[in-house]
Amino acid sequence: MVRNKGGRKRLVTGAVATAAAGVALGAFVISGTANGATETTAAPTTAKHARPTIVLEHGAFADGSSWNGVISRLKADGYPVVAAANPLRGPASDAAALRTVLDHVKGPKIVVGHSYGGNVISEAATNDPDVKALVYVAAFLPAPGESALELTNKYPGSTLPGTLDPVTYKQSDGSTATDLYIQQDKFRHQFAADVPAKVAALMAAEQRPIAQAALEEKATTAAWKTKPSWDIITTQDLNIPPAVQRFMAKRAHAHTTEVAASHSVAVSHPRLVADVIERAARATVR
């Protein structure tokens, strides 16, 4: 059983379906807020309440298909969904790309980021009045001046560096840059330990690299400072240590849910992720 350190807790147990496979995984989830308030589940959104669009931003070593299980559940519940393509080049330029998507989608929005996608949504959603809430999924919530690499190293526990496969290449201006992959034979253990082996093998083959410079680039804004935030903390995460995730969630006063899951929680626990997103939508869009 996992435990959240803030205030009273709500315990949820049950089987959670994994994406792309008919496998049920038992999950123990504690939900509360980092500032001590108890998280409660609101009544389902009724037809007379307009549903916001859910905009999903994937992180490093993944692509939009990592949201497939979440998307199918959100759409079944009546939510319009857009899964944006993250260039994975750097928080500032990736946020500019995401803003083109946010500007195109009219009306209220809930913006969701996984992993490094948290860096991107934290910048892209700043000063956007149509973004009603942010949902972080095993993600970074950087403050201005912080980088993903700096946050990862704040507490011990990440084994990512030993699994990386760096590829250095020459850019058009003659300078060199490095892209980072996860070695395919180490991908499942590092990134998706609770995902069925066949699914994890597909994810490893389909992974998109992140620019090494993107992990070193410092944040300039933090939308979580002004917008209500929800955070799913993965206690078996080998990419972003759980202690780091808890630190960031507490600082952001986020509504937190902890689950015994790998970094690929959106694939292994899509119903849980969709439920947290819908909770954020019901709480902020009337």
Foldseek 3Di string as FASTA:
>chain_A
DDDDPAADWDWDWDWFQFFPDRDTDIKIKIWQWLNHGRDDFDDQDDPVFDFAEEEEEEDALFFQCLLVLLVVVCVVSPHHYHYDGQPQEAQVVSLVSVLVVVVVGDAAYEYEYAAARLSNCQPNVPPPVSHAEYEYEVYDQAAFPDFQVNLQPPDDQAPQVVQKDKDWDADPVGDIWIWIAGPLVCQCVQANVLHPPVVSSVSNVPGDTHTPVRRVDGHHGGRLQPHAYEYEAACCENHRHSVSSSVSSSVSRHGYMYIPGYSSCCRGRSVVSSSRSSSSRVVGGD
